[in-house]
Amino acid sequence: ASSLETVLRRLRAKAETAQRHHSLPTAVFLADKCLTLSHGEPDDVFRLASLFHDAQHFRRALGLLERHGLVRAHLRFRCLAVQCLYACKEWEECLAVLGGTDDDLHAMEGAGDEGD
């Protein structure tokens, strides 16, 4: 393993430890360094976006996922994006990421009126 890989492995481990100990600012700092050193490796993007989500920085998490073009790349990125959009009350964007339409939203809204 190259020295860069060794440094990345150690930084990732330290970021995970900081996250487990609920030290989000430290975990975010370390995850950001991992992302920079890995030149945007998807696992590092996901780690940092997840930490932003945990710290309730939902728009930062979304921006990061979008900047790296990963929102629709894999289910885990899509789920994280939807959780962030939901927290921001961006309902139509949630549906767009999930692949729904405005008609789906209106159908769901109408479904609750049937019992009245």
PDB file of N, CA and C in Angstrom:
ATOM      1  N   ALA A   1       0.845  -1.191   0.000  1.00  0.00           N
ATOM      2  CA  ALA A   1       0.000   0.000   0.000  1.00  0.00           C
ATOM      3  C   ALA A   1       0.881   1.243   0.000  1.00  0.00           C
ATOM      4  N   SER A   2       0.452   2.218  -0.783  1.00  0.00           N
ATOM      5  CA  SER A   2       1.219   3.459  -0.849  1.00  0.00           C
ATOM      6  C   SER A   2       1.024   4.252   0.437  1.00  0.00           C
ATOM      7  N   SER A   3       1.872   5.243   0.613  1.00  0.00           N
ATOM      8  CA  SER A   3       1.767   6.062   1.828  1.00  0.00           C
ATOM      9  C   SER A   3       0.452   6.836   1.845  1.00  0.00           C
ATOM     10  N   LEU A   4      -0.053   7.256   0.662  1.00  0.00           N
ATOM     11  CA  LEU A   4      -1.334   7.962   0.607  1.00  0.00           C
ATOM     12  C   LEU A   4      -2.465   7.044   1.061  1.00  0.00           C
ATOM     13  N   GLU A   5      -2.445   5.804   0.612  1.00  0.00           N
ATOM     14  CA  GLU A   5      -3.467   4.842   1.035  1.00  0.00           C
ATOM     15  C   GLU A   5      -3.411   4.610   2.541  1.00  0.00           C
ATOM     16  N   THR A   6      -2.211   4.560   3.072  1.00  0.00           N
ATOM     17  CA  THR A   6      -2.044   4.375   4.519  1.00  0.00           C
ATOM     18  C   THR A   6      -2.609   5.568   5.283  1.00  0.00           C
ATOM     19  N   VAL A   7      -2.303   6.769   4.816  1.00  0.00           N
ATOM     20  CA  VAL A   7      -2.817   7.986   5.458  1.00  0.00           C
ATOM     21  C   VAL A   7      -4.333   8.010   5.380  1.00  0.00           C
ATOM     22  N   LEU A   8      -4.881   7.696   4.207  1.00  0.00           N
ATOM     23  CA  LEU A   8      -6.341   7.675   4.053  1.00  0.00           C
ATOM     24  C   LEU A   8      -6.988   6.661   4.982  1.00  0.00           C
ATOM     25  N   ARG A   9      -6.429   5.480   5.066  1.00  0.00           N
ATOM     26  CA  ARG A   9      -6.979   4.442   5.948  1.00  0.00           C
ATOM     27  C   ARG A   9      -7.003   4.929   7.400  1.00  0.00           C
ATOM     28  N   ARG A  10      -5.922   5.567   7.825  1.00  0.00           N
ATOM     29  CA  ARG A  10      -5.852   6.071   9.203  1.00  0.00           C
ATOM     30  C   ARG A  10      -6.838   7.212   9.435  1.00  0.00           C
ATOM     31  N   LEU A  11      -6.924   8.138   8.474  1.00  0.00           N
ATOM     32  CA  LEU A  11      -7.868   9.258   8.613  1.00  0.00           C
ATOM     33  C   LEU A  11      -9.311   8.760   8.646  1.00  0.00           C
ATOM     34  N   ARG A  12      -9.627   7.797   7.789  1.00  0.00           N
ATOM     35  CA  ARG A  12     -10.987   7.237   7.783  1.00  0.00           C
ATOM     36  C   ARG A  12     -11.314   6.582   9.116  1.00  0.00           C
ATOM     37  N   ALA A  13     -10.361   5.860   9.676  1.00  0.00           N
ATOM     38  CA  ALA A  13     -10.571   5.213  10.973  1.00  0.00           C
ATOM     39  C   ALA A  13     -10.774   6.250  12.073  1.00  0.00           C
ATOM     40  N   LYS A  14      -9.994   7.322  12.019  1.00  0.00           N
ATOM     41  CA  LYS A  14     -10.148   8.385  13.022  1.00  0.00           C
ATOM     42  C   LYS A  14     -11.487   9.094  12.870  1.00  0.00           C
ATOM     43  N   ALA A  15     -11.943   9.303  11.626  1.00  0.00           N
ATOM     44  CA  ALA A  15     -13.249   9.929  11.388  1.00  0.00           C
ATOM     45  C   ALA A  15     -14.372   9.051  11.937  1.00  0.00           C
ATOM     46  N   GLU A  16     -14.266   7.741  11.716  1.00  0.00           N
ATOM     47  CA  GLU A  16     -15.281   6.822  12.239  1.00  0.00           C
ATOM     48  C   GLU A  16     -15.282   6.808  13.762  1.00  0.00           C
ATOM     49  N   THR A  17     -14.101   6.852  14.355  1.00  0.00           N
ATOM     50  CA  THR A  17     -14.011   6.895  15.822  1.00  0.00           C
ATOM     51  C   THR A  17     -14.643   8.172  16.355  1.00  0.00           C
ATOM     52  N   ALA A  18     -14.341   9.298  15.719  1.00  0.00           N
ATOM     53  CA  ALA A  18     -14.924  10.576  16.151  1.00  0.00           C
ATOM     54  C   ALA A  18     -16.445  10.535  16.025  1.00  0.00           C
ATOM     55  N   GLN A  19     -16.945   9.938  14.961  1.00  0.00           N
ATOM     56  CA  GLN A  19     -18.396   9.833  14.782  1.00  0.00           C
ATOM     57  C   GLN A  19     -19.015   8.969  15.878  1.00  0.00           C
ATOM     58  N   ARG A  20     -18.387   7.839  16.176  1.00  0.00           N
ATOM     59  CA  ARG A  20     -18.895   6.956  17.240  1.00  0.00           C
ATOM     60  C   ARG A  20     -18.922   7.654  18.590  1.00  0.00           C
ATOM     61  N   HIS A  21     -17.964   8.578  18.799  1.00  0.00           N
ATOM     62  CA  HIS A  21     -17.903   9.306  20.064  1.00  0.00           C
ATOM     63  C   HIS A  21     -18.702  10.603  20.026  1.00  0.00           C
ATOM     64  N   HIS A  22     -19.538  10.750  18.999  1.00  0.00           N
ATOM     65  CA  HIS A  22     -20.434  11.907  18.846  1.00  0.00           C
ATOM     66  C   HIS A  22     -19.685  13.226  18.774  1.00  0.00           C
ATOM     67  N   SER A  23     -18.506  13.190  18.225  1.00  0.00           N
ATOM     68  CA  SER A  23     -17.735  14.404  18.007  1.00  0.00           C
ATOM     69  C   SER A  23     -17.854  14.768  16.521  1.00  0.00           C
ATOM     70  N   LEU A  24     -19.045  15.268  16.151  1.00  0.00           N
ATOM     71  CA  LEU A  24     -19.335  15.522  14.749  1.00  0.00           C
ATOM     72  C   LEU A  24     -18.400  16.544  14.106  1.00  0.00           C
ATOM     73  N   PRO A  25     -18.067  17.654  14.770  1.00  0.00           N
ATOM     74  CA  PRO A  25     -17.155  18.602  14.106  1.00  0.00           C
ATOM     75  C   PRO A  25     -15.806  17.966  13.746  1.00  0.00           C
ATOM     76  N   THR A  26     -15.281  17.140  14.637  1.00  0.00           N
ATOM     77  CA  THR A  26     -14.015  16.458  14.361  1.00  0.00           C
ATOM     78  C   THR A  26     -14.185  15.450  13.234  1.00  0.00           C
ATOM     79  N   ALA A  27     -15.279  14.699  13.279  1.00  0.00           N
ATOM     80  CA  ALA A  27     -15.541  13.707  12.231  1.00  0.00           C
ATOM     81  C   ALA A  27     -15.698  14.381  10.869  1.00  0.00           C
ATOM     82  N   VAL A  28     -16.415  15.510  10.820  1.00  0.00           N
ATOM     83  CA  VAL A  28     -16.592  16.255   9.568  1.00  0.00           C
ATOM     84  C   VAL A  28     -15.243  16.740   9.053  1.00  0.00           C
ATOM     85  N   PHE A  29     -14.421  17.290   9.934  1.00  0.00           N
ATOM     86  CA  PHE A  29     -13.097  17.783   9.538  1.00  0.00           C
ATOM     87  C   PHE A  29     -12.270  16.663   8.910  1.00  0.00           C
ATOM     88  N   LEU A  30     -12.215  15.520   9.589  1.00  0.00           N
ATOM     89  CA  LEU A  30     -11.412  14.394   9.104  1.00  0.00           C
ATOM     90  C   LEU A  30     -11.976  13.805   7.813  1.00  0.00           C
ATOM     91  N   ALA A  31     -13.294  13.693   7.732  1.00  0.00           N
ATOM     92  CA  ALA A  31     -13.924  13.159   6.521  1.00  0.00           C
ATOM     93  C   ALA A  31     -13.686  14.089   5.332  1.00  0.00           C
ATOM     94  N   ASP A  32     -13.683  15.385   5.590  1.00  0.00           N
ATOM     95  CA  ASP A  32     -13.394  16.347   4.526  1.00  0.00           C
ATOM     96  C   ASP A  32     -11.972  16.174   3.998  1.00  0.00           C
ATOM     97  N   LYS A  33     -11.033  15.934   4.895  1.00  0.00           N
ATOM     98  CA  LYS A  33      -9.644  15.704   4.475  1.00  0.00           C
ATOM     99  C   LYS A  33      -9.537  14.417   3.658  1.00  0.00           C
ATOM    100  N   CYS A  34     -10.273  13.380   4.068  1.00  0.00           N
ATOM    101  CA  CYS A  34     -10.281  12.119   3.311  1.00  0.00           C
ATOM    102  C   CYS A  34     -10.817  12.354   1.905  1.00  0.00           C
ATOM    103  N   LEU A  35     -11.885  13.105   1.809  1.00  0.00           N
ATOM    104  CA  LEU A  35     -12.481  13.382   0.509  1.00  0.00           C
ATOM    105  C   LEU A  35     -11.502  14.117  -0.398  1.00  0.00           C
ATOM    106  N   THR A  36     -10.801  15.077   0.152  1.00  0.00           N
ATOM    107  CA  THR A  36      -9.817  15.826  -0.624  1.00  0.00           C
ATOM    108  C   THR A  36      -8.684  14.915  -1.090  1.00  0.00           C
ATOM    109  N   LEU A  37      -8.149  14.120  -0.182  1.00  0.00           N
ATOM    110  CA  LEU A  37      -7.028  13.245  -0.524  1.00  0.00           C
ATOM    111  C   LEU A  37      -7.410  12.130  -1.494  1.00  0.00           C
ATOM    112  N   SER A  38      -8.668  11.691  -1.435  1.00  0.00           N
ATOM    113  CA  SER A  38      -9.094  10.597  -2.318  1.00  0.00           C
ATOM    114  C   SER A  38      -9.616  11.113  -3.657  1.00  0.00           C
ATOM    115  N   HIS A  39      -9.611  12.416  -3.812  1.00  0.00           N
ATOM    116  CA  HIS A  39     -10.092  13.049  -5.054  1.00  0.00           C
ATOM    117  C   HIS A  39     -11.540  12.679  -5.356  1.00  0.00           C
ATOM    118  N   GLY A  40     -12.374  12.674  -4.315  1.00  0.00           N
ATOM    119  CA  GLY A  40     -13.803  12.472  -4.508  1.00  0.00           C
ATOM    120  C   GLY A  40     -14.265  11.042  -4.608  1.00  0.00           C
ATOM    121  N   GLU A  41     -13.563  10.140  -3.963  1.00  0.00           N
ATOM    122  CA  GLU A  41     -14.000   8.738  -3.957  1.00  0.00           C
ATOM    123  C   GLU A  41     -15.427   8.662  -3.391  1.00  0.00           C
ATOM    124  N   PRO A  42     -16.340   7.939  -4.060  1.00  0.00           N
ATOM    125  CA  PRO A  42     -17.740   7.909  -3.629  1.00  0.00           C
ATOM    126  C   PRO A  42     -17.957   7.544  -2.158  1.00  0.00           C
ATOM    127  N   ASP A  43     -17.188   6.608  -1.611  1.00  0.00           N
ATOM    128  CA  ASP A  43     -17.353   6.259  -0.193  1.00  0.00           C
ATOM    129  C   ASP A  43     -17.033   7.450   0.706  1.00  0.00           C
ATOM    130  N   ASP A  44     -16.051   8.244   0.322  1.00  0.00           N
ATOM    131  CA  ASP A  44     -15.704   9.430   1.118  1.00  0.00           C
ATOM    132  C   ASP A  44     -16.758  10.520   0.971  1.00  0.00           C
ATOM    133  N   VAL A  45     -17.340  10.641  -0.228  1.00  0.00           N
ATOM    134  CA  VAL A  45     -18.437  11.592  -0.424  1.00  0.00           C
ATOM    135  C   VAL A  45     -19.606  11.184   0.468  1.00  0.00           C
ATOM    136  N   PHE A  46     -19.937   9.909   0.451  1.00  0.00           N
ATOM    137  CA  PHE A  46     -21.060   9.427   1.262  1.00  0.00           C
ATOM    138  C   PHE A  46     -20.802   9.646   2.751  1.00  0.00           C
ATOM    139  N   ARG A  47     -19.586   9.360   3.195  1.00  0.00           N
ATOM    140  CA  ARG A  47     -19.249   9.531   4.612  1.00  0.00           C
ATOM    141  C   ARG A  47     -19.443  10.984   5.038  1.00  0.00           C
ATOM    142  N   LEU A  48     -18.910  11.913   4.255  1.00  0.00           N
ATOM    143  CA  LEU A  48     -19.018  13.326   4.617  1.00  0.00           C
ATOM    144  C   LEU A  48     -20.473  13.799   4.524  1.00  0.00           C
ATOM    145  N   ALA A  49     -21.184  13.401   3.479  1.00  0.00           N
ATOM    146  CA  ALA A  49     -22.593  13.799   3.348  1.00  0.00           C
ATOM    147  C   ALA A  49     -23.421  13.242   4.513  1.00  0.00           C
ATOM    148  N   SER A  50     -23.135  12.022   4.928  1.00  0.00           N
ATOM    149  CA  SER A  50     -23.839  11.428   6.077  1.00  0.00           C
ATOM    150  C   SER A  50     -23.562  12.203   7.357  1.00  0.00           C
ATOM    151  N   LEU A  51     -22.329  12.627   7.516  1.00  0.00           N
ATOM    152  CA  LEU A  51     -21.982  13.417   8.692  1.00  0.00           C
ATOM    153  C   LEU A  51     -22.668  14.781   8.661  1.00  0.00           C
ATOM    154  N   PHE A  52     -22.728  15.397   7.486  1.00  0.00           N
ATOM    155  CA  PHE A  52     -23.476  16.652   7.359  1.00  0.00           C
ATOM    156  C   PHE A  52     -24.932  16.429   7.755  1.00  0.00           C
ATOM    157  N   HIS A  53     -25.510  15.317   7.291  1.00  0.00           N
ATOM    158  CA  HIS A  53     -26.896  14.991   7.650  1.00  0.00           C
ATOM    159  C   HIS A  53     -27.032  14.838   9.171  1.00  0.00           C
ATOM    160  N   ASP A  54     -26.125  14.086   9.768  1.00  0.00           N
ATOM    161  CA  ASP A  54     -26.181  13.866  11.223  1.00  0.00           C
ATOM    162  C   ASP A  54     -26.073  15.176  11.996  1.00  0.00           C
ATOM    163  N   ALA A  55     -25.312  16.130  11.444  1.00  0.00           N
ATOM    164  CA  ALA A  55     -25.139  17.436  12.080  1.00  0.00           C
ATOM    165  C   ALA A  55     -26.258  18.406  11.696  1.00  0.00           C
ATOM    166  N   GLN A  56     -27.244  17.923  10.979  1.00  0.00           N
ATOM    167  CA  GLN A  56     -28.394  18.692  10.508  1.00  0.00           C
ATOM    168  C   GLN A  56     -28.008  19.804   9.540  1.00  0.00           C
ATOM    169  N   HIS A  57     -26.966  19.564   8.763  1.00  0.00           N
ATOM    170  CA  HIS A  57     -26.561  20.465   7.678  1.00  0.00           C
ATOM    171  C   HIS A  57     -27.054  19.826   6.378  1.00  0.00           C
ATOM    172  N   PHE A  58     -28.375  19.803   6.231  1.00  0.00           N
ATOM    173  CA  PHE A  58     -28.994  19.052   5.149  1.00  0.00           C
ATOM    174  C   PHE A  58     -28.644  19.613   3.769  1.00  0.00           C
ATOM    175  N   ARG A  59     -28.633  20.914   3.639  1.00  0.00           N
ATOM    176  CA  ARG A  59     -28.332  21.520   2.332  1.00  0.00           C
ATOM    177  C   ARG A  59     -26.863  21.302   1.948  1.00  0.00           C
ATOM    178  N   ARG A  60     -25.985  21.302   2.920  1.00  0.00           N
ATOM    179  CA  ARG A  60     -24.573  21.001   2.631  1.00  0.00           C
ATOM    180  C   ARG A  60     -24.429  19.566   2.133  1.00  0.00           C
ATOM    181  N   ALA A  61     -25.147  18.650   2.751  1.00  0.00           N
ATOM    182  CA  ALA A  61     -25.105  17.251   2.323  1.00  0.00           C
ATOM    183  C   ALA A  61     -25.625  17.114   0.894  1.00  0.00           C
ATOM    184  N   LEU A  62     -26.757  17.759   0.611  1.00  0.00           N
ATOM    185  CA  LEU A  62     -27.318  17.706  -0.743  1.00  0.00           C
ATOM    186  C   LEU A  62     -26.368  18.306  -1.766  1.00  0.00           C
ATOM    187  N   GLY A  63     -25.807  19.456  -1.434  1.00  0.00           N
ATOM    188  CA  GLY A  63     -24.876  20.113  -2.345  1.00  0.00           C
ATOM    189  C   GLY A  63     -23.678  19.230  -2.657  1.00  0.00           C
ATOM    190  N   LEU A  64     -23.175  18.558  -1.647  1.00  0.00           N
ATOM    191  CA  LEU A  64     -22.034  17.667  -1.836  1.00  0.00           C
ATOM    192  C   LEU A  64     -22.387  16.508  -2.773  1.00  0.00           C
ATOM    193  N   LEU A  65     -23.529  15.884  -2.529  1.00  0.00           N
ATOM    194  CA  LEU A  65     -23.965  14.778  -3.380  1.00  0.00           C
ATOM    195  C   LEU A  65     -24.189  15.243  -4.819  1.00  0.00           C
ATOM    196  N   GLU A  66     -24.796  16.417  -4.971  1.00  0.00           N
ATOM    197  CA  GLU A  66     -25.061  16.944  -6.310  1.00  0.00           C
ATOM    198  C   GLU A  66     -23.763  17.317  -7.025  1.00  0.00           C
ATOM    199  N   ARG A  67     -22.872  17.959  -6.310  1.00  0.00           N
ATOM    200  CA  ARG A  67     -21.598  18.389  -6.897  1.00  0.00           C
ATOM    201  C   ARG A  67     -20.808  17.206  -7.464  1.00  0.00           C
ATOM    202  N   HIS A  68     -20.932  16.071  -6.822  1.00  0.00           N
ATOM    203  CA  HIS A  68     -20.209  14.880  -7.261  1.00  0.00           C
ATOM    204  C   HIS A  68     -21.055  13.990  -8.168  1.00  0.00           C
ATOM    205  N   GLY A  69     -22.272  14.443  -8.471  1.00  0.00           N
ATOM    206  CA  GLY A  69     -23.139  13.697  -9.385  1.00  0.00           C
ATOM    207  C   GLY A  69     -23.556  12.341  -8.879  1.00  0.00           C
ATOM    208  N   LEU A  70     -23.770  12.221  -7.575  1.00  0.00           N
ATOM    209  CA  LEU A  70     -24.033  10.910  -6.984  1.00  0.00           C
ATOM    210  C   LEU A  70     -25.463  10.702  -6.491  1.00  0.00           C
ATOM    211  N   VAL A  71     -26.315  11.710  -6.620  1.00  0.00           N
ATOM    212  CA  VAL A  71     -27.664  11.583  -6.064  1.00  0.00           C
ATOM    213  C   VAL A  71     -28.380  10.357  -6.615  1.00  0.00           C
ATOM    214  N   ARG A  72     -28.225  10.103  -7.887  1.00  0.00           N
ATOM    215  CA  ARG A  72     -28.926   8.969  -8.508  1.00  0.00           C
ATOM    216  C   ARG A  72     -27.986   7.809  -8.837  1.00  0.00           C
ATOM    217  N   ALA A  73     -26.762   7.865  -8.345  1.00  0.00           N
ATOM    218  CA  ALA A  73     -25.765   6.853  -8.698  1.00  0.00           C
ATOM    219  C   ALA A  73     -26.012   5.501  -8.028  1.00  0.00           C
ATOM    220  N   HIS A  74     -26.531   5.518  -6.839  1.00  0.00           N
ATOM    221  CA  HIS A  74     -26.699   4.284  -6.069  1.00  0.00           C
ATOM    222  C   HIS A  74     -27.794   4.527  -5.038  1.00  0.00           C
ATOM    223  N   LEU A  75     -28.434   3.486  -4.607  1.00  0.00           N
ATOM    224  CA  LEU A  75     -29.558   3.607  -3.679  1.00  0.00           C
ATOM    225  C   LEU A  75     -29.176   4.338  -2.390  1.00  0.00           C
ATOM    226  N   ARG A  76     -27.993   4.087  -1.860  1.00  0.00           N
ATOM    227  CA  ARG A  76     -27.613   4.731  -0.595  1.00  0.00           C
ATOM    228  C   ARG A  76     -27.511   6.239  -0.750  1.00  0.00           C
ATOM    229  N   PHE A  77     -27.031   6.723  -1.908  1.00  0.00           N
ATOM    230  CA  PHE A  77     -26.951   8.164  -2.147  1.00  0.00           C
ATOM    231  C   PHE A  77     -28.346   8.750  -2.317  1.00  0.00           C
ATOM    232  N   ARG A  78     -29.190   8.017  -3.038  1.00  0.00           N
ATOM    233  CA  ARG A  78     -30.564   8.479  -3.267  1.00  0.00           C
ATOM    234  C   ARG A  78     -31.318   8.566  -1.940  1.00  0.00           C
ATOM    235  N   CYS A  79     -31.180   7.563  -1.098  1.00  0.00           N
ATOM    236  CA  CYS A  79     -31.865   7.574   0.208  1.00  0.00           C
ATOM    237  C   CYS A  79     -31.392   8.733   1.073  1.00  0.00           C
ATOM    238  N   LEU A  80     -30.092   8.971   1.093  1.00  0.00           N
ATOM    239  CA  LEU A  80     -29.560  10.081   1.877  1.00  0.00           C
ATOM    240  C   LEU A  80     -30.072  11.411   1.337  1.00  0.00           C
ATOM    241  N   ALA A  81     -30.099  11.565   0.018  1.00  0.00           N
ATOM    242  CA  ALA A  81     -30.609  12.795  -0.588  1.00  0.00           C
ATOM    243  C   ALA A  81     -32.073  13.004  -0.222  1.00  0.00           C
ATOM    244  N   VAL A  82     -32.863  11.953  -0.270  1.00  0.00           N
ATOM    245  CA  VAL A  82     -34.288  12.057   0.062  1.00  0.00           C
ATOM    246  C   VAL A  82     -34.468  12.419   1.542  1.00  0.00           C
ATOM    247  N   GLN A  83     -33.666  11.842   2.419  1.00  0.00           N
ATOM    248  CA  GLN A  83     -33.755  12.188   3.842  1.00  0.00           C
ATOM    249  C   GLN A  83     -33.452  13.671   4.059  1.00  0.00           C
ATOM    250  N   CYS A  84     -32.460  14.186   3.340  1.00  0.00           N
ATOM    251  CA  CYS A  84     -32.115  15.600   3.456  1.00  0.00           C
ATOM    252  C   CYS A  84     -33.224  16.483   2.897  1.00  0.00           C
ATOM    253  N   LEU A  85     -33.746  16.112   1.741  1.00  0.00           N
ATOM    254  CA  LEU A  85     -34.844  16.876   1.137  1.00  0.00           C
ATOM    255  C   LEU A  85     -36.073  16.850   2.032  1.00  0.00           C
ATOM    256  N   TYR A  86     -36.358  15.720   2.629  1.00  0.00           N
ATOM    257  CA  TYR A  86     -37.493  15.602   3.552  1.00  0.00           C
ATOM    258  C   TYR A  86     -37.307  16.536   4.750  1.00  0.00           C
ATOM    259  N   ALA A  87     -36.096  16.563   5.301  1.00  0.00           N
ATOM    260  CA  ALA A  87     -35.817  17.431   6.446  1.00  0.00           C
ATOM    261  C   ALA A  87     -35.980  18.905   6.078  1.00  0.00           C
ATOM    262  N   CYS A  88     -35.737  19.234   4.805  1.00  0.00           N
ATOM    263  CA  CYS A  88     -35.888  20.615   4.321  1.00  0.00           C
ATOM    264  C   CYS A  88     -37.305  20.886   3.823  1.00  0.00           C
ATOM    265  N   LYS A  89     -38.184  19.903   3.935  1.00  0.00           N
ATOM    266  CA  LYS A  89     -39.573  19.991   3.487  1.00  0.00           C
ATOM    267  C   LYS A  89     -39.687  20.293   1.998  1.00  0.00           C
ATOM    268  N   GLU A  90     -38.785  19.708   1.242  1.00  0.00           N
ATOM    269  CA  GLU A  90     -38.780  19.850  -0.221  1.00  0.00           C
ATOM    270  C   GLU A  90     -39.488  18.631  -0.814  1.00  0.00           C
ATOM    271  N   TRP A  91     -40.816  18.594  -0.658  1.00  0.00           N
ATOM    272  CA  TRP A  91     -41.591  17.408  -1.007  1.00  0.00           C
ATOM    273  C   TRP A  91     -41.493  17.060  -2.494  1.00  0.00           C
ATOM    274  N   GLU A  92     -41.629  18.055  -3.360  1.00  0.00           N
ATOM    275  CA  GLU A  92     -41.596  17.772  -4.792  1.00  0.00           C
ATOM    276  C   GLU A  92     -40.225  17.256  -5.229  1.00  0.00           C
ATOM    277  N   GLU A  93     -39.169  17.797  -4.620  1.00  0.00           N
ATOM    278  CA  GLU A  93     -37.826  17.306  -4.927  1.00  0.00           C
ATOM    279  C   GLU A  93     -37.652  15.862  -4.441  1.00  0.00           C
ATOM    280  N   CYS A  94     -38.246  15.555  -3.284  1.00  0.00           N
ATOM    281  CA  CYS A  94     -38.210  14.171  -2.791  1.00  0.00           C
ATOM    282  C   CYS A  94     -38.801  13.238  -3.840  1.00  0.00           C
ATOM    283  N   LEU A  95     -39.970  13.610  -4.344  1.00  0.00           N
ATOM    284  CA  LEU A  95     -40.619  12.777  -5.354  1.00  0.00           C
ATOM    285  C   LEU A  95     -39.775  12.670  -6.621  1.00  0.00           C
ATOM    286  N   ALA A  96     -39.154  13.773  -7.006  1.00  0.00           N
ATOM    287  CA  ALA A  96     -38.331  13.755  -8.215  1.00  0.00           C
ATOM    288  C   ALA A  96     -37.158  12.793  -8.055  1.00  0.00           C
ATOM    289  N   VAL A  97     -36.515  12.818  -6.893  1.00  0.00           N
ATOM    290  CA  VAL A  97     -35.381  11.921  -6.648  1.00  0.00           C
ATOM    291  C   VAL A  97     -35.854  10.468  -6.576  1.00  0.00           C
ATOM    292  N   LEU A  98     -37.022  10.271  -6.006  1.00  0.00           N
ATOM    293  CA  LEU A  98     -37.570   8.919  -5.916  1.00  0.00           C
ATOM    294  C   LEU A  98     -38.137   8.435  -7.239  1.00  0.00           C
ATOM    295  N   GLY A  99     -38.341   9.368  -8.170  1.00  0.00           N
ATOM    296  CA  GLY A  99     -38.884   8.989  -9.469  1.00  0.00           C
ATOM    297  C   GLY A  99     -40.374   9.167  -9.560  1.00  0.00           C
ATOM    298  N   GLY A 100     -40.967   9.843  -8.584  1.00  0.00           N
ATOM    299  CA  GLY A 100     -42.401  10.105  -8.596  1.00  0.00           C
ATOM    300  C   GLY A 100     -42.725  11.349  -9.398  1.00  0.00           C
ATOM    301  N   THR A 101     -44.021  11.638  -9.518  1.00  0.00           N
ATOM    302  CA  THR A 101     -44.483  12.806 -10.252  1.00  0.00           C
ATOM    303  C   THR A 101     -45.431  13.609  -9.383  1.00  0.00           C
ATOM    304  N   ASP A 102     -45.813  14.791  -9.869  1.00  0.00           N
ATOM    305  CA  ASP A 102     -46.800  15.599  -9.158  1.00  0.00           C
ATOM    306  C   ASP A 102     -48.129  14.863  -9.059  1.00  0.00           C
ATOM    307  N   ASP A 103     -48.475  14.065 -10.096  1.00  0.00           N
ATOM    308  CA  ASP A 103     -49.716  13.295 -10.058  1.00  0.00           C
ATOM    309  C   ASP A 103     -49.708  12.308  -8.897  1.00  0.00           C
ATOM    310  N   ASP A 104     -48.534  11.714  -8.621  1.00  0.00           N
ATOM    311  CA  ASP A 104     -48.406  10.799  -7.487  1.00  0.00           C
ATOM    312  C   ASP A 104     -48.683  11.535  -6.185  1.00  0.00           C
ATOM    313  N   LEU A 105     -48.166  12.768  -6.071  1.00  0.00           N
ATOM    314  CA  LEU A 105     -48.362  13.567  -4.861  1.00  0.00           C
ATOM    315  C   LEU A 105     -49.833  13.878  -4.668  1.00  0.00           C
ATOM    316  N   HIS A 106     -50.512  14.278  -5.739  1.00  0.00           N
ATOM    317  CA  HIS A 106     -51.946  14.603  -5.635  1.00  0.00           C
ATOM    318  C   HIS A 106     -52.763  13.364  -5.310  1.00  0.00           C
ATOM    319  N   ALA A 107     -52.373  12.234  -5.841  1.00  0.00           N
ATOM    320  CA  ALA A 107     -53.077  10.982  -5.547  1.00  0.00           C
ATOM    321  C   ALA A 107     -52.919  10.629  -4.071  1.00  0.00           C
ATOM    322  N   MET A 108     -51.717  10.842  -3.528  1.00  0.00           N
ATOM    323  CA  MET A 108     -51.500  10.548  -2.104  1.00  0.00           C
ATOM    324  C   MET A 108     -52.300  11.509  -1.243  1.00  0.00           C
ATOM    325  N   GLU A 109     -52.347  12.779  -1.626  1.00  0.00           N
ATOM    326  CA  GLU A 109     -53.112  13.762  -0.851  1.00  0.00           C
ATOM    327  C   GLU A 109     -54.591  13.416  -0.887  1.00  0.00           C
ATOM    328  N   GLY A 110     -55.098  13.001  -2.050  1.00  0.00           N
ATOM    329  CA  GLY A 110     -56.508  12.658  -2.198  1.00  0.00           C
ATOM    330  C   GLY A 110     -56.871  11.400  -1.458  1.00  0.00           C
ATOM    331  N   ALA A 111     -55.932  10.492  -1.280  1.00  0.00           N
ATOM    332  CA  ALA A 111     -56.206   9.223  -0.611  1.00  0.00           C
ATOM    333  C   ALA A 111     -56.611   9.431   0.836  1.00  0.00           C
ATOM    334  N   GLY A 112     -56.113  10.465   1.459  1.00  0.00           N
ATOM    335  CA  GLY A 112     -56.458  10.748   2.847  1.00  0.00           C
ATOM    336  C   GLY A 112     -57.851  11.326   3.000  1.00  0.00           C
ATOM    337  N   ASP A 113     -58.435  11.836   1.908  1.00  0.00           N
ATOM    338  CA  ASP A 113     -59.761  12.464   1.978  1.00  0.00           C
ATOM    339  C   ASP A 113     -60.892  11.465   1.869  1.00  0.00           C
ATOM    340  N   GLU A 114     -60.611  10.221   1.468  1.00  0.00           N
ATOM    341  CA  GLU A 114     -61.663   9.242   1.213  1.00  0.00           C
ATOM    342  C   GLU A 114     -62.438   8.889   2.464  1.00  0.00           C
ATOM    343  N   GLY A 115     -61.832   8.904   3.622  1.00  0.00           N
ATOM    344  CA  GLY A 115     -62.517   8.494   4.843  1.00  0.00           C
ATOM    345  C   GLY A 115     -63.356   9.590   5.455  1.00  0.00           C
ATOM    346  N   ASP A 116     -63.305  10.806   4.929  1.00  0.00           N
ATOM    347  CA  ASP A 116     -64.075  11.921   5.513  1.00  0.00           C
ATOM    348  C   ASP A 116     -65.522  11.899   5.120  1.00  0.00           C
TER     349      ASP A 116
END
